Protein backbone atom coordinates (compact mmCIF):
# COMPACT_ATOMS: atom_id res chain seq x y z
CA MET A 1 -20.80 7.24 44.18
CA ASP A 2 -23.21 5.96 41.53
CA ILE A 3 -23.44 9.24 39.63
CA GLY A 4 -19.71 9.58 39.08
CA ASP A 5 -17.30 11.17 41.57
CA GLU A 6 -15.49 13.07 38.84
CA ALA A 7 -18.70 15.05 38.21
CA LEU A 8 -19.08 16.14 41.81
CA SER A 9 -16.13 18.48 42.19
CA ASP A 10 -16.64 22.18 42.73
CA ALA A 11 -16.19 24.70 39.97
CA PRO A 12 -12.86 26.58 39.98
CA SER A 13 -12.62 29.64 42.14
CA SER A 14 -13.91 32.79 40.47
CA GLY A 15 -11.31 34.94 42.18
CA VAL A 16 -13.96 36.83 44.16
CA LYS A 17 -12.60 38.32 47.35
CA LEU A 18 -14.27 36.72 50.39
CA ASP A 19 -14.01 37.41 54.12
CA GLN A 20 -13.55 33.92 55.54
CA ASP A 21 -14.27 35.02 59.12
CA ILE A 22 -17.67 36.44 58.16
CA LEU A 23 -18.38 33.38 56.02
CA SER A 24 -17.63 31.02 58.91
CA GLN A 25 -19.79 33.04 61.31
CA LEU A 26 -22.73 32.95 58.88
CA LEU A 27 -22.55 29.18 58.63
CA MET A 28 -22.23 28.63 62.37
CA THR A 29 -25.21 30.87 63.16
CA ARG A 30 -27.21 28.57 60.85
CA GLY A 31 -26.36 25.54 62.96
CA VAL A 32 -23.15 24.34 61.34
CA ALA A 33 -20.54 22.92 63.72
CA ALA A 34 -17.15 24.61 63.61
CA ASP A 35 -15.46 21.48 62.28
CA GLU A 36 -18.00 21.19 59.42
CA VAL A 37 -17.80 24.76 58.12
CA GLN A 38 -15.88 23.79 54.99
CA LYS A 39 -18.32 20.98 54.19
CA HIS A 40 -21.27 23.36 54.32
CA ALA A 41 -19.48 26.29 52.70
CA LYS A 42 -19.21 24.27 49.49
CA PRO A 43 -22.07 21.74 49.67
CA THR A 44 -21.34 18.84 47.32
CA MET A 45 -23.37 15.80 46.39
CA ARG A 46 -20.59 13.55 47.65
CA GLU A 47 -20.95 14.91 51.18
CA PHE A 48 -24.75 14.97 51.45
CA LEU A 49 -26.20 12.31 49.13
CA PRO A 50 -27.73 9.34 51.02
CA ASP A 51 -27.94 5.80 49.70
CA PRO A 52 -31.34 5.76 47.93
CA SER A 53 -32.00 2.22 49.21
CA GLU A 54 -32.46 3.71 52.70
CA PHE A 55 -35.93 4.85 51.56
CA ARG A 56 -38.82 2.42 51.78
CA ASP A 57 -39.98 1.00 48.45
CA MET A 58 -37.10 2.67 46.58
CA GLU A 59 -35.63 -0.64 45.44
CA ARG A 60 -39.07 -1.97 44.51
CA ALA A 61 -39.72 1.14 42.43
CA ALA A 62 -36.33 0.99 40.73
CA GLN A 63 -36.66 -2.70 39.94
CA ARG A 64 -40.17 -2.28 38.49
CA ILE A 65 -39.07 0.61 36.26
CA ALA A 66 -35.92 -1.31 35.24
CA ALA A 67 -38.11 -4.23 34.18
CA ALA A 68 -40.27 -1.85 32.16
CA VAL A 69 -37.19 -0.37 30.50
CA ALA A 70 -35.82 -3.79 29.59
CA ALA A 71 -39.18 -4.91 28.18
CA GLN A 72 -39.81 -1.58 26.41
CA GLU A 73 -43.15 -1.18 28.19
CA THR A 74 -45.27 1.91 27.74
CA ILE A 75 -44.58 4.18 30.71
CA THR A 76 -46.44 7.36 31.58
CA ILE A 77 -45.26 9.98 34.10
CA TYR A 78 -48.23 11.60 35.86
CA GLY A 79 -47.17 14.94 37.34
CA ASP A 80 -48.65 17.78 39.31
CA TYR A 81 -49.23 21.07 37.49
CA ASP A 82 -46.81 23.18 39.56
CA VAL A 83 -43.05 23.66 39.15
CA ASP A 84 -42.13 20.73 41.38
CA GLY A 85 -44.46 18.48 39.39
CA ALA A 86 -43.20 19.75 36.04
CA THR A 87 -39.52 19.37 36.93
CA SER A 88 -40.11 15.93 38.50
CA ALA A 89 -41.93 14.73 35.39
CA ALA A 90 -39.30 16.23 33.08
CA LEU A 91 -36.50 14.59 35.08
CA LEU A 92 -37.97 11.09 34.76
CA VAL A 93 -38.86 11.62 31.10
CA GLU A 94 -35.26 12.64 30.43
CA VAL A 95 -33.81 9.70 32.37
CA LEU A 96 -36.01 7.20 30.56
CA ARG A 97 -35.23 8.83 27.19
CA SER A 98 -31.51 8.38 27.88
CA LEU A 99 -32.26 4.72 28.64
CA GLY A 100 -33.96 4.21 25.29
CA VAL A 101 -37.60 4.60 26.39
CA GLU A 102 -39.78 7.48 25.21
CA ALA A 103 -42.10 7.83 28.19
CA GLY A 104 -45.30 9.78 27.90
CA TYR A 105 -46.45 12.30 30.45
CA TYR A 106 -49.80 13.45 31.78
CA ILE A 107 -50.37 16.72 33.64
CA PRO A 108 -53.96 17.24 34.87
CA ASP A 109 -55.87 20.41 34.17
CA ARG A 110 -55.95 22.44 37.37
CA LEU A 111 -59.50 23.71 36.87
CA LEU A 112 -61.15 20.62 35.37
CA GLU A 113 -59.36 17.83 37.26
CA GLY A 114 -57.82 19.43 40.32
CA TYR A 115 -54.81 18.26 42.30
CA GLY A 116 -53.54 14.70 42.23
CA PRO A 117 -54.28 11.63 40.15
CA THR A 118 -57.91 10.83 39.37
CA GLY A 119 -59.08 7.30 38.92
CA GLU A 120 -60.63 8.17 35.58
CA ALA A 121 -57.34 9.50 34.21
CA LEU A 122 -55.31 6.53 35.46
CA VAL A 123 -57.76 4.03 34.01
CA LYS A 124 -57.80 5.86 30.68
CA LEU A 125 -54.00 5.79 30.54
CA ALA A 126 -54.13 2.04 31.17
CA GLU A 127 -56.73 1.55 28.45
CA THR A 128 -54.56 3.41 25.94
CA GLY A 129 -51.59 1.13 26.57
CA SER A 130 -49.66 2.27 29.66
CA SER A 131 -48.63 -0.72 31.76
CA LEU A 132 -46.70 1.43 34.25
CA ILE A 133 -47.61 4.87 35.58
CA VAL A 134 -45.31 6.86 37.84
CA THR A 135 -46.97 9.73 39.72
CA VAL A 136 -44.67 12.55 40.82
CA ASP A 137 -45.43 15.23 43.41
CA CYS A 138 -48.86 13.67 44.00
CA GLY A 139 -50.53 10.40 44.88
CA ALA A 140 -49.57 9.77 48.49
CA MET A 141 -53.17 10.25 49.64
CA ALA A 142 -55.01 9.21 46.45
CA HIS A 143 -56.58 6.05 47.87
CA GLU A 144 -59.67 5.94 45.65
CA ALA A 145 -57.83 6.75 42.40
CA LEU A 146 -55.08 4.23 43.02
CA THR A 147 -57.58 1.54 43.94
CA MET A 148 -59.28 2.12 40.58
CA ALA A 149 -55.91 1.84 38.83
CA ARG A 150 -55.11 -1.42 40.62
CA ASP A 151 -58.48 -2.86 39.67
CA ALA A 152 -57.80 -1.85 36.04
CA GLY A 153 -54.60 -3.91 36.13
CA VAL A 154 -52.04 -1.12 35.78
CA ASP A 155 -49.01 -0.75 38.06
CA VAL A 156 -48.62 2.66 39.68
CA ILE A 157 -45.50 3.90 41.45
CA VAL A 158 -45.95 6.98 43.64
CA VAL A 159 -43.04 9.40 44.06
CA ASP A 160 -44.12 12.12 46.47
CA HIS A 161 -43.09 14.25 49.43
CA HIS A 162 -46.44 15.34 50.86
CA LYS A 163 -47.63 14.12 54.23
CA CYS A 164 -48.97 10.56 54.36
CA SER A 165 -51.53 8.88 56.56
CA ALA A 166 -50.76 5.58 58.25
CA ASP A 167 -53.06 3.84 55.76
CA LEU A 168 -51.23 3.88 52.43
CA PRO A 169 -52.99 3.54 49.06
CA PRO A 170 -52.43 0.41 46.92
CA THR A 171 -49.36 0.86 44.72
CA ALA A 172 -46.55 -1.08 43.13
CA ALA A 173 -44.28 1.13 45.27
CA LEU A 174 -44.68 4.35 47.24
CA VAL A 175 -41.49 6.37 47.69
CA ASN A 176 -41.90 9.27 50.08
CA PRO A 177 -39.56 10.35 52.90
CA ASN A 178 -42.66 11.52 54.80
CA ARG A 179 -44.13 8.04 55.12
CA LEU A 180 -44.92 7.42 58.77
CA ASP A 181 -43.06 4.10 58.66
CA GLU A 182 -39.81 5.52 57.27
CA SER A 183 -36.43 4.93 58.87
CA ASP A 184 -34.85 7.78 60.82
CA LEU A 185 -32.31 8.47 58.08
CA ALA A 186 -34.92 8.61 55.32
CA ALA A 187 -37.29 10.66 57.47
CA SER A 188 -34.52 13.20 58.02
CA HIS A 189 -34.89 13.96 54.30
CA GLY A 190 -38.55 14.84 54.62
CA HIS A 191 -37.72 18.38 53.50
CA LEU A 192 -36.94 17.20 49.96
CA ALA A 193 -39.15 18.41 47.14
CA ALA A 194 -40.63 15.69 44.93
CA VAL A 195 -38.01 16.42 42.27
CA GLY A 196 -35.30 15.57 44.80
CA VAL A 197 -36.99 12.24 45.56
CA ALA A 198 -37.28 11.60 41.81
CA PHE A 199 -33.54 12.23 41.45
CA LEU A 200 -32.80 9.63 44.12
CA LEU A 201 -35.06 7.20 42.24
CA ALA A 202 -33.07 7.89 39.07
CA ILE A 203 -29.86 6.94 40.89
CA ALA A 204 -31.46 3.75 42.19
CA LEU A 205 -32.77 2.90 38.71
CA VAL A 206 -29.37 3.31 37.06
CA ARG A 207 -27.79 1.18 39.78
CA VAL A 208 -30.29 -1.66 39.18
CA LEU A 209 -29.75 -1.51 35.41
CA ARG A 210 -25.99 -1.45 35.89
CA GLY A 211 -26.21 -4.60 37.97
CA GLU A 212 -28.23 -6.26 35.21
CA GLY A 213 -25.61 -5.41 32.58
CA TYR A 214 -27.82 -2.94 30.76
CA PHE A 215 -24.89 -0.61 30.06
CA LYS A 216 -22.56 -3.15 28.43
CA ASP A 217 -23.29 -1.68 25.03
CA ARG A 218 -24.50 1.82 25.92
CA SER A 219 -23.35 4.70 28.07
CA GLU A 220 -24.92 5.51 31.41
CA PRO A 221 -27.06 8.64 31.76
CA ASP A 222 -25.37 11.81 33.00
CA LEU A 223 -27.48 12.26 36.12
CA MET A 224 -25.56 15.32 37.26
CA ALA A 225 -26.86 17.14 34.18
CA LEU A 226 -30.36 16.80 35.67
CA LEU A 227 -29.56 18.93 38.71
CA ASP A 228 -30.76 22.10 36.97
CA LEU A 229 -34.25 20.57 37.12
CA VAL A 230 -33.76 19.55 40.75
CA ALA A 231 -32.60 23.03 41.74
CA LEU A 232 -35.53 24.75 40.01
CA GLY A 233 -38.15 22.45 41.51
CA THR A 234 -36.62 22.59 44.98
CA VAL A 235 -36.46 26.39 45.20
CA ALA A 236 -39.81 26.99 43.49
CA ASP A 237 -41.54 24.56 45.88
CA VAL A 238 -40.12 26.52 48.83
CA ALA A 239 -38.38 23.43 50.19
CA ALA A 240 -36.05 23.97 53.14
CA LEU A 241 -32.54 24.67 51.87
CA HIS A 242 -30.46 22.72 54.33
CA GLY A 243 -28.58 19.45 54.02
CA LEU A 244 -29.05 17.66 50.70
CA ASN A 245 -31.26 20.41 49.28
CA ARG A 246 -28.41 22.92 49.60
CA ALA A 247 -26.17 20.56 47.66
CA PHE A 248 -28.88 20.05 45.03
CA VAL A 249 -29.31 23.78 44.52
CA ALA A 250 -25.62 24.72 44.76
CA GLN A 251 -24.65 22.14 42.15
CA GLY A 252 -27.77 22.74 40.06
CA LEU A 253 -26.96 26.43 39.74
CA LYS A 254 -23.66 25.45 38.13
CA ILE A 255 -25.53 23.35 35.58
CA LEU A 256 -27.96 26.20 34.93
CA ALA A 257 -25.07 28.58 34.29
CA ARG A 258 -23.97 26.38 31.38
CA ARG A 259 -27.35 26.93 29.65
CA GLU A 260 -27.14 23.44 28.12
CA ARG A 261 -30.83 22.53 28.47
CA ILE A 262 -32.56 24.15 25.50
CA GLY A 263 -35.81 24.83 27.34
CA MET A 264 -34.09 26.26 30.40
CA ALA A 265 -31.96 28.58 28.26
CA ALA A 266 -35.10 29.81 26.48
CA LEU A 267 -36.77 30.37 29.85
CA MET A 268 -33.82 32.44 31.06
CA ASP A 269 -33.92 34.48 27.85
CA ALA A 270 -37.65 35.09 28.29
CA SER A 271 -36.92 36.21 31.86
CA ARG A 272 -34.24 38.60 30.55
CA LEU A 273 -31.70 36.80 32.71
CA LYS A 274 -28.30 37.28 31.07
CA ARG A 275 -25.98 36.50 33.98
CA ALA A 276 -25.58 33.17 35.73
CA PRO A 277 -28.71 32.59 37.83
CA ILE A 278 -28.76 32.62 41.62
CA ALA A 279 -31.23 30.80 43.86
CA SER A 280 -33.64 33.74 44.12
CA ASP A 281 -33.95 33.83 40.31
CA LEU A 282 -35.39 30.33 40.42
CA GLY A 283 -38.10 31.42 42.82
CA PHE A 284 -38.93 34.83 41.38
CA ALA A 285 -38.13 34.67 37.65
CA LEU A 286 -38.03 31.13 36.27
CA GLY A 287 -40.43 29.33 38.62
CA PRO A 288 -43.41 31.71 38.21
CA ARG A 289 -43.26 31.32 34.44
CA ILE A 290 -43.40 27.53 34.65
CA ASN A 291 -46.20 27.85 37.19
CA ALA A 292 -48.20 30.15 34.95
CA GLY A 293 -48.91 27.32 32.53
CA GLY A 294 -50.48 25.18 35.23
CA ARG A 295 -52.26 28.07 36.92
CA ILE A 296 -54.05 29.81 34.06
CA GLY A 297 -52.83 28.24 30.82
CA GLU A 298 -52.03 24.81 29.40
CA SER A 299 -50.84 22.46 32.13
CA THR A 300 -48.33 20.59 29.94
CA LEU A 301 -46.34 23.65 28.87
CA GLY A 302 -43.75 23.34 31.63
CA VAL A 303 -42.85 19.71 30.90
CA ARG A 304 -42.88 20.37 27.15
CA LEU A 305 -40.45 23.25 27.59
CA LEU A 306 -38.09 21.36 29.88
CA THR A 307 -37.91 18.26 27.67
CA THR A 308 -37.94 19.70 24.15
CA ARG A 309 -34.90 19.45 21.90
CA ASP A 310 -36.22 21.98 19.39
CA PRO A 311 -34.87 25.52 20.00
CA ASP A 312 -37.76 27.13 18.09
CA GLU A 313 -40.36 25.25 20.11
CA ALA A 314 -38.52 26.15 23.32
CA ARG A 315 -38.51 29.85 22.43
CA ASP A 316 -42.21 29.81 21.53
CA ILE A 317 -43.23 28.04 24.75
CA ALA A 318 -41.03 30.30 26.92
CA GLU A 319 -42.57 33.40 25.35
CA LYS A 320 -46.07 31.99 25.85
CA LEU A 321 -45.31 31.24 29.50
CA SER A 322 -44.04 34.80 29.99
CA ALA A 323 -47.26 36.19 28.52
CA LEU A 324 -49.32 33.89 30.75
CA ASN A 325 -47.28 35.05 33.73
CA GLU A 326 -48.20 38.67 33.01
CA GLU A 327 -51.85 37.66 32.73
CA ARG A 328 -51.51 35.79 36.01
CA ARG A 329 -50.17 38.92 37.70
CA ALA A 330 -53.26 40.91 36.72
CA ILE A 331 -55.65 38.19 37.91
CA GLU A 332 -53.68 37.80 41.12
CA ALA A 333 -53.91 41.53 41.88
CA GLU A 334 -57.72 41.44 41.58
CA VAL A 335 -58.07 38.42 43.87
CA GLN A 336 -55.61 39.83 46.38
CA GLU A 337 -57.50 43.12 46.63
CA ALA A 338 -60.76 41.26 47.22
CA ALA A 339 -59.15 38.96 49.80
CA GLU A 340 -57.53 41.81 51.73
CA ALA A 341 -60.90 43.51 51.99
CA GLN A 342 -62.02 40.62 54.23
CA LEU A 343 -59.12 40.89 56.68
CA ASP A 344 -60.75 43.40 59.04
CA GLY A 345 -63.41 40.86 59.93
CA GLN A 346 -60.78 38.25 60.89
CA HIS A 347 -58.25 40.16 62.96
CA ASN A 348 -58.82 37.88 65.99
CA MET A 349 -58.45 34.62 64.04
CA ALA A 350 -55.31 32.50 64.31
CA VAL A 351 -55.58 31.48 60.64
CA GLN A 352 -56.83 33.80 57.92
CA VAL A 353 -59.43 31.91 55.87
CA LEU A 354 -60.58 34.11 52.99
CA SER A 355 -63.01 33.07 50.27
CA GLY A 356 -64.82 34.47 47.28
CA THR A 357 -67.03 33.38 44.43
CA GLY A 358 -65.42 33.68 41.01
CA TRP A 359 -61.84 33.91 42.28
CA HIS A 360 -59.45 32.19 39.88
CA PRO A 361 -58.19 28.95 41.48
CA GLY A 362 -54.90 29.34 39.65
CA VAL A 363 -53.72 32.27 41.76
CA ILE A 364 -55.09 31.47 45.22
CA GLY A 365 -51.81 29.92 46.40
CA ILE A 366 -49.86 33.04 45.49
CA VAL A 367 -52.45 35.28 47.15
CA ALA A 368 -52.36 33.10 50.27
CA GLY A 369 -48.61 33.67 50.41
CA ARG A 370 -49.07 37.43 50.07
CA ILE A 371 -51.69 37.48 52.84
CA LYS A 372 -49.41 35.41 55.07
CA GLU A 373 -46.60 37.92 54.57
CA LYS A 374 -48.93 40.84 55.26
CA THR A 375 -50.52 39.43 58.43
CA GLY A 376 -47.81 37.15 59.80
CA LYS A 377 -50.41 34.38 60.15
CA PRO A 378 -51.10 31.16 58.25
CA SER A 379 -53.49 32.01 55.43
CA ILE A 380 -55.87 30.02 53.27
CA VAL A 381 -57.56 31.47 50.19
CA ILE A 382 -60.56 29.60 48.77
CA ALA A 383 -62.15 30.04 45.35
CA LEU A 384 -65.85 29.16 45.72
CA ASN A 385 -67.90 27.64 42.92
CA GLU A 386 -71.58 28.25 43.64
CA ALA A 387 -72.82 26.02 40.81
CA GLU A 388 -70.88 22.99 42.05
CA GLY A 389 -71.23 23.84 45.72
CA ILE A 390 -67.53 23.38 46.49
CA GLY A 391 -64.45 25.53 46.94
CA LYS A 392 -60.84 24.97 45.97
CA GLY A 393 -58.40 26.30 48.53
CA SER A 394 -54.68 26.81 48.90
CA GLY A 395 -52.81 27.71 52.09
CA ARG A 396 -49.42 28.98 53.19
CA SER A 397 -48.07 28.76 56.71
CA ILE A 398 -45.49 30.37 58.97
CA SER A 399 -42.50 28.66 60.54
CA GLY A 400 -43.55 26.58 63.52
CA VAL A 401 -47.12 25.91 62.34
CA ASP A 402 -47.77 22.63 60.48
CA LEU A 403 -50.59 23.53 58.14
CA GLY A 404 -50.46 20.27 56.16
CA ALA A 405 -51.13 18.18 59.27
CA ALA A 406 -54.07 20.43 60.19
CA ILE A 407 -55.58 20.06 56.73
CA ILE A 408 -55.29 16.28 56.90
CA ALA A 409 -56.98 16.37 60.33
CA ALA A 410 -59.79 18.50 58.91
CA ARG A 411 -60.30 16.00 56.12
CA GLU A 412 -60.41 13.14 58.62
CA ALA A 413 -63.01 15.15 60.57
CA ASP A 414 -65.19 15.12 57.43
CA LEU A 415 -64.88 18.86 56.88
CA LEU A 416 -63.15 18.51 53.50
CA VAL A 417 -63.72 16.52 50.34
CA ALA A 418 -59.95 16.30 49.86
CA GLY A 419 -56.86 17.92 51.27
CA GLY A 420 -53.21 17.49 52.10
CA GLY A 421 -49.80 19.10 51.86
CA HIS A 422 -46.77 19.72 54.00
CA ALA A 423 -45.92 21.99 56.91
CA MET A 424 -45.63 25.22 54.93
CA ALA A 425 -48.21 24.71 52.16
CA ALA A 426 -51.43 22.80 51.63
CA GLY A 427 -54.35 22.43 49.27
CA LEU A 428 -57.97 21.46 49.84
CA THR A 429 -61.42 20.95 48.39
CA ILE A 430 -64.32 21.92 50.65
CA PRO A 431 -68.13 21.86 50.48
CA ASN A 432 -69.27 25.48 50.63
CA GLU A 433 -71.59 24.81 53.56
CA LYS A 434 -68.71 23.57 55.71
CA LEU A 435 -66.60 26.70 55.35
CA ALA A 436 -67.58 28.18 58.72
CA ALA A 437 -67.00 24.92 60.57
CA PHE A 438 -63.64 24.48 58.85
CA THR A 439 -62.56 27.99 59.81
CA GLU A 440 -63.48 27.35 63.45
CA PHE A 441 -61.71 23.98 63.38
CA LEU A 442 -58.44 25.54 62.21
CA ASP A 443 -58.69 28.39 64.69
CA THR A 444 -59.16 25.97 67.59
CA ARG A 445 -56.47 23.53 66.44
CA LEU A 446 -53.77 26.02 65.53
CA ALA A 447 -54.33 29.01 67.84
CA ARG A 448 -51.71 27.96 70.38
CA ASP A 449 -49.14 27.08 67.70
CA VAL A 450 -49.69 30.38 65.91
CA ASP A 451 -49.36 32.39 69.14
CA ARG A 452 -46.17 30.57 70.04
CA ALA A 453 -44.71 31.00 66.55
CA ARG A 454 -45.54 34.71 66.38
CA LEU A 455 -44.12 35.42 69.84
CA SER A 456 -40.84 33.84 68.80
CA GLN A 457 -40.62 35.89 65.62
CA SER A 458 -37.94 38.53 65.51
CA MET A 459 -35.59 39.90 62.93
CA GLN A 460 -32.30 38.09 63.33
CA LEU A 461 -29.32 40.20 62.27
CA ASP A 462 -26.06 38.71 61.10
CA LEU A 463 -23.99 41.88 60.87
CA SER A 464 -23.99 45.53 61.92
CA LEU A 465 -21.90 48.00 59.94
CA ALA A 466 -21.38 51.58 58.89
CA PRO A 467 -22.28 52.60 55.32
CA GLY A 468 -18.65 52.29 54.26
CA GLY A 469 -18.80 48.57 54.97
CA LEU A 470 -21.63 48.07 52.47
CA THR A 471 -19.51 46.97 49.50
CA PRO A 472 -19.74 44.50 46.60
CA ASP A 473 -17.07 42.39 48.33
CA LEU A 474 -19.34 42.09 51.37
CA VAL A 475 -22.26 41.04 49.15
CA ASN A 476 -20.05 38.38 47.52
CA THR A 477 -19.01 37.05 50.92
CA LEU A 478 -22.60 36.82 52.12
CA GLU A 479 -23.71 35.13 48.88
CA ALA A 480 -20.95 32.54 49.31
CA ALA A 481 -22.77 31.10 52.34
CA GLY A 482 -25.82 30.40 50.14
CA PRO A 483 -27.88 29.20 48.47
CA TYR A 484 -30.52 30.72 50.72
CA GLY A 485 -34.16 29.92 51.23
CA VAL A 486 -36.54 28.41 53.76
CA GLY A 487 -34.56 26.85 56.61
CA TRP A 488 -31.38 28.63 55.53
CA PRO A 489 -32.29 32.32 55.65
CA ALA A 490 -30.41 34.92 53.67
CA PRO A 491 -28.32 37.14 55.97
CA ARG A 492 -29.70 40.41 57.24
CA VAL A 493 -27.52 43.38 58.11
CA ALA A 494 -28.13 46.60 59.99
CA VAL A 495 -26.53 49.77 58.62
CA GLY A 496 -26.25 52.91 60.70
CA PRO A 497 -26.53 55.33 62.18
CA VAL A 498 -27.59 57.16 59.01
CA ARG A 499 -29.54 60.23 58.03
CA ILE A 500 -32.08 60.04 55.22
CA VAL A 501 -30.91 62.19 52.33
CA LYS A 502 -33.88 61.38 50.12
CA ALA A 503 -36.98 59.19 50.33
CA ASP A 504 -39.64 58.78 47.66
CA ILE A 505 -42.03 56.30 46.08
CA VAL A 506 -41.04 54.67 42.79
CA GLY A 507 -43.05 52.37 40.59
CA LYS A 508 -46.43 51.52 42.00
CA ASP A 509 -45.65 51.24 45.71
CA HIS A 510 -41.91 50.80 46.28
CA LEU A 511 -40.02 52.97 48.77
CA ARG A 512 -36.61 54.26 47.62
CA VAL A 513 -34.16 55.78 50.10
CA ILE A 514 -30.77 57.44 49.83
CA ALA A 515 -28.99 57.29 53.21
CA ALA A 516 -25.66 58.69 54.39
CA GLY A 517 -23.55 57.85 57.42
CA GLU A 518 -21.18 59.70 59.69
CA ASP A 519 -18.30 58.10 57.75
CA GLY A 520 -19.27 60.22 54.72
CA ARG A 521 -20.47 57.26 52.68
CA SER A 522 -23.94 56.96 51.19
CA PHE A 523 -25.95 54.10 49.72
CA LYS A 524 -29.30 53.29 48.15
CA ALA A 525 -32.01 51.24 49.85
CA ILE A 526 -35.31 50.04 48.45
CA ALA A 527 -38.34 48.45 50.12
CA PHE A 528 -40.63 46.62 47.70
CA ARG A 529 -44.42 46.93 48.01
CA ALA A 530 -43.97 48.98 51.18
CA ALA A 531 -45.41 52.40 50.35
CA GLU A 532 -48.27 52.16 52.85
CA THR A 533 -46.31 50.65 55.72
CA GLU A 534 -45.55 52.52 58.93
CA MET A 535 -41.83 52.24 58.16
CA ALA A 536 -42.25 53.93 54.78
CA GLN A 537 -44.42 56.71 56.14
CA THR A 538 -41.92 57.39 58.92
CA LEU A 539 -38.99 57.62 56.51
CA LEU A 540 -41.00 59.75 54.10
CA HIS A 541 -42.51 62.28 56.50
CA ARG A 542 -41.15 62.10 60.06
CA ARG A 543 -37.40 62.08 59.71
CA GLN A 544 -36.40 65.70 60.36
CA GLY A 545 -33.13 65.67 62.29
CA ARG A 546 -33.41 62.00 63.11
CA LEU A 547 -30.83 59.27 62.67
CA PHE A 548 -31.82 55.72 61.81
CA HIS A 549 -30.56 52.17 61.70
CA LEU A 550 -31.75 50.46 58.52
CA ALA A 551 -32.01 46.68 58.30
CA GLY A 552 -32.43 44.29 55.40
CA ARG A 553 -30.59 42.19 52.87
CA VAL A 554 -27.76 43.43 50.69
CA LYS A 555 -27.67 42.95 46.93
CA ILE A 556 -25.59 44.08 43.98
CA ASP A 557 -27.01 46.98 41.96
CA ASP A 558 -25.47 46.61 38.51
CA TRP A 559 -27.54 49.23 36.67
CA GLY A 560 -24.89 51.92 36.96
CA PRO A 561 -21.43 52.21 35.36
CA ARG A 562 -19.97 49.97 38.06
CA PRO A 563 -21.54 47.46 40.48
CA ALA A 564 -22.58 48.89 43.85
CA ALA A 565 -24.08 47.39 46.98
CA GLU A 566 -27.64 48.34 47.91
CA LEU A 567 -29.91 47.45 50.80
CA HIS A 568 -33.25 45.74 50.26
CA LEU A 569 -34.90 47.41 53.21
CA GLU A 570 -37.10 45.44 55.61
CA ASP A 571 -37.12 47.48 58.82
CA ALA A 572 -35.93 50.74 60.34
CA ALA A 573 -35.39 52.00 63.88
CA PHE A 574 -34.60 55.39 65.36
CA ALA A 575 -30.95 55.74 66.37
CA ASN A 576 -31.48 58.85 68.50
């Protein structure tokens, strides 16, 4: 296709021993038809990439940017302050740089400016020379700001993935698979993160420039080299990993393994990641460090890191982001403790809405995710500002409950100053005095959906085995059906029956277990942040003479002299 078929082939086989029967079963239980197993086992761009022109306004956007490139206009990329925004902005900056245009970028301050483009910022960018502004991961609902930009005479292209209303803001182009007027094919890609949409725009842009003869005397950009950014933004934004997103992440991980991007290599070093990264590393090691800049530090650090060509600058920024991430952890722990203290008063609510004065707005999204995991309910955490009379909130949802649509409805009901998002995550700004009414609104609107979603929840197991079957080869086979994430869950296995040889608490609150089976084989299991759970207390104190089945996800433990398989424990049941 337009990004070069020769670049789309899979990497050579690593020689890892795989069980093809187990691999096929894993894919089919995730909805893959038997005749498409091979296609999904090795997801390539060639198989999953749509024609970008299928998306509304894509051609308009590409043509406007192409005109700006040809005329050497001043272009500014306006990004959100999270990982998806940073990677989207970095991707377009890199594409334009390869086309001979040094685009600027603008990342708003989370605390001072909040989410999305402000009219004041857009007008200021126009006054300082920008004739074209491209917003990424924001803007789909910024009617007032984009009207101000239009009146100031600057063209704005919106590249977003958040939910839209039927009434679209004034733009030169608005590219978003979640537009209500999208075609069926484009709408089927509504699970893309903004960085994925930005990548499709890059393909469309190169195609337009190719048709205009722009590359007669210069080489075309290597768009495949940008997939490390796409993979990081996709996983960190918790986008569903099926279809095109699986191809993005699978191919992006190969790019990441090459460590060719200076900033990404420095980020991996700061994360103490020496091996080739896997998808979970993007969500739990690399992503949080990029996020830390936007949450509690300098909002531009992520884009600066991902676009720098100076190894010393990259190392310094990566180390600063790691330090900010540690600071973020401490702040997060304080807010989480305060939020959890409010849970007893909300045990009958469908949605947990927790709020506090002085809570740091930079960590409320993470805390909302923790509360959601703890309660199994959609959760919103709001940092109240008494002086300004408003609160900034962030929410996380459970599968089957569209939180973004509920937030938009609350805004339309005049309960919010601003708000939006997608099914699994949303943000909002609320007048303090409307907090009670907002809480009641969500409870009424989402109670039935939450009940239905929670009733359908169960732990789905992919495999049951004796301890002797828990081997590194099994882990490699299960990993081969990845990358895993939302919409493409990592496999869970049950191991048993086993007796508990040893159980203790390690670190702050992690449960460690040594279990042995009737086949004479033993293995290690660990349950993170589980010390106070009923499961942990049972395994610690009430196991005399009992046999158990242990369930969870299997990983490689490479701390010892040779790699071994271990179980990341999620549940346990009596076997006798």
